[in-house]
Amino acid sequence: MILEVAMLHIKPGEEINFETDFAIAGQYISGMKGYAGHSLNKCIEQTNKYMLLVNWENLADHTVGFRESDHYKDWKRLLHHYYHPFPTVEHYECIMENKISDSSD
């Protein structure tokens, strides 16, 4: 599993419009081969800053499968005009994980 991480700086005053359009854009990514879920997190200290996390089965599912698709063109058209500066996207693989187990069992 690969984790895509993007820090998104949204033009001030455009946060609500961005969030609305991002909800729509979810359809373009969620149907892609290798897609395994995503979350959008809003920074508490800096209200126009967001962190996008997307789980992919492998790197090529994002960098080739999604980025070279027509769905990416729709994603780009809907969202890219909100970014300033344009985000850096990085990919991570998990080397260690610790989860709290549900003790209600």
Protein backbone atom coordinates (compact mmCIF):
# COMPACT_ATOMS: atom_id res chain seq x y z
CA MET A 1 0.00 0.00 0.00
CA ILE A 2 1.23 3.49 -0.90
CA LEU A 3 0.14 6.68 0.84
CA GLU A 4 -0.02 9.82 -1.29
CA VAL A 5 0.40 12.99 0.79
CA ALA A 6 -0.31 16.48 -0.53
CA MET A 7 -0.28 19.71 1.46
CA LEU A 8 -2.82 22.00 -0.18
CA HIS A 9 -2.66 25.75 0.34
CA ILE A 10 -5.95 27.24 -0.83
CA LYS A 11 -6.30 30.85 -1.90
CA PRO A 12 -7.64 32.77 1.13
CA GLY A 13 -11.41 33.17 1.04
CA GLU A 14 -11.87 30.17 -1.28
CA GLU A 15 -12.00 27.48 1.43
CA ILE A 16 -15.77 26.83 1.29
CA ASN A 17 -15.80 26.71 -2.52
CA PHE A 18 -12.80 24.37 -2.47
CA GLU A 19 -14.45 22.02 0.04
CA THR A 20 -17.64 21.93 -2.03
CA ASP A 21 -15.76 21.19 -5.25
CA PHE A 22 -13.52 18.65 -3.52
CA ALA A 23 -16.61 16.69 -2.45
CA ILE A 24 -17.63 16.56 -6.12
CA ALA A 25 -14.10 15.67 -7.27
CA GLY A 26 -14.10 12.59 -5.04
CA GLN A 27 -16.05 10.73 -7.72
CA TYR A 28 -13.16 11.14 -10.15
CA ILE A 29 -10.60 9.45 -7.94
CA SER A 30 -12.68 6.90 -6.04
CA GLY A 31 -13.41 4.74 -9.08
CA MET A 32 -9.80 4.40 -10.20
CA LYS A 33 -7.97 1.08 -10.29
CA GLY A 34 -5.85 0.71 -7.16
CA TYR A 35 -7.67 3.42 -5.20
CA ALA A 36 -8.10 2.37 -1.56
CA GLY A 37 -9.57 5.47 0.12
CA HIS A 38 -8.79 9.09 0.87
CA SER A 39 -9.24 11.77 3.49
CA LEU A 40 -9.05 15.55 3.41
CA ASN A 41 -7.94 17.19 6.64
CA LYS A 42 -8.19 20.90 7.43
CA CYS A 43 -5.48 22.60 9.47
CA ILE A 44 -6.70 24.15 12.71
CA GLU A 45 -3.98 26.82 12.93
CA GLN A 46 -4.02 27.83 9.26
CA THR A 47 -7.58 27.66 7.92
CA ASN A 48 -6.63 27.72 4.24
CA LYS A 49 -4.26 24.74 4.57
CA TYR A 50 -5.38 21.15 3.99
CA MET A 51 -3.69 17.75 3.96
CA LEU A 52 -4.88 15.24 1.38
CA LEU A 53 -4.13 11.58 2.07
CA VAL A 54 -4.87 8.97 -0.59
CA ASN A 55 -4.20 5.25 -0.27
CA TRP A 56 -3.18 3.43 -3.45
CA GLU A 57 -2.40 -0.23 -4.02
CA ASN A 58 0.86 0.78 -5.76
CA LEU A 59 2.64 3.89 -7.00
CA ALA A 60 1.75 3.39 -10.66
CA ASP A 61 -1.97 3.38 -9.83
CA HIS A 62 -1.55 7.05 -8.93
CA THR A 63 1.28 8.31 -11.11
CA VAL A 64 0.19 6.52 -14.29
CA GLY A 65 -3.34 5.17 -13.84
CA PHE A 66 -4.91 8.29 -12.35
CA ARG A 67 -2.61 11.03 -13.58
CA GLU A 68 -2.87 9.90 -17.21
CA SER A 69 -6.65 9.40 -17.13
CA ASP A 70 -9.54 11.55 -18.29
CA HIS A 71 -10.72 11.52 -14.67
CA TYR A 72 -7.56 13.41 -13.70
CA LYS A 73 -8.37 16.08 -16.30
CA ASP A 74 -11.76 16.55 -14.62
CA TRP A 75 -10.13 16.61 -11.16
CA LYS A 76 -7.60 19.18 -12.35
CA ARG A 77 -10.26 21.39 -13.97
CA LEU A 78 -12.33 21.37 -10.77
CA LEU A 79 -9.57 21.86 -8.17
CA HIS A 80 -6.24 23.16 -9.45
CA HIS A 81 -7.27 26.82 -9.67
CA TYR A 82 -7.69 26.90 -5.86
CA TYR A 83 -4.03 26.12 -5.08
CA HIS A 84 -1.43 28.75 -4.28
CA PRO A 85 1.30 27.71 -4.37
CA PHE A 86 0.82 24.49 -6.31
CA PRO A 87 1.17 21.53 -3.92
CA THR A 88 4.04 19.12 -3.68
CA VAL A 89 2.84 15.52 -3.76
CA GLU A 90 4.87 12.80 -2.09
CA HIS A 91 4.39 9.06 -1.71
CA TYR A 92 5.11 6.96 1.37
CA GLU A 93 5.15 3.30 2.24
CA CYS A 94 4.43 2.10 5.74
CA ILE A 95 7.35 0.52 7.55
CA MET A 96 5.69 0.37 10.98
CA GLU A 97 2.14 0.69 12.24
CA ASN A 98 0.56 0.53 15.67
CA LYS A 99 -3.21 0.52 16.06
CA ILE A 100 -5.26 0.67 19.20
CA SER A 101 -7.46 -2.38 19.37
CA ASP A 102 -11.16 -2.09 20.11
CA SER A 103 -11.59 -3.29 23.69
CA SER A 104 -15.40 -3.47 23.47
CA ASP A 105 -15.27 -7.05 22.15
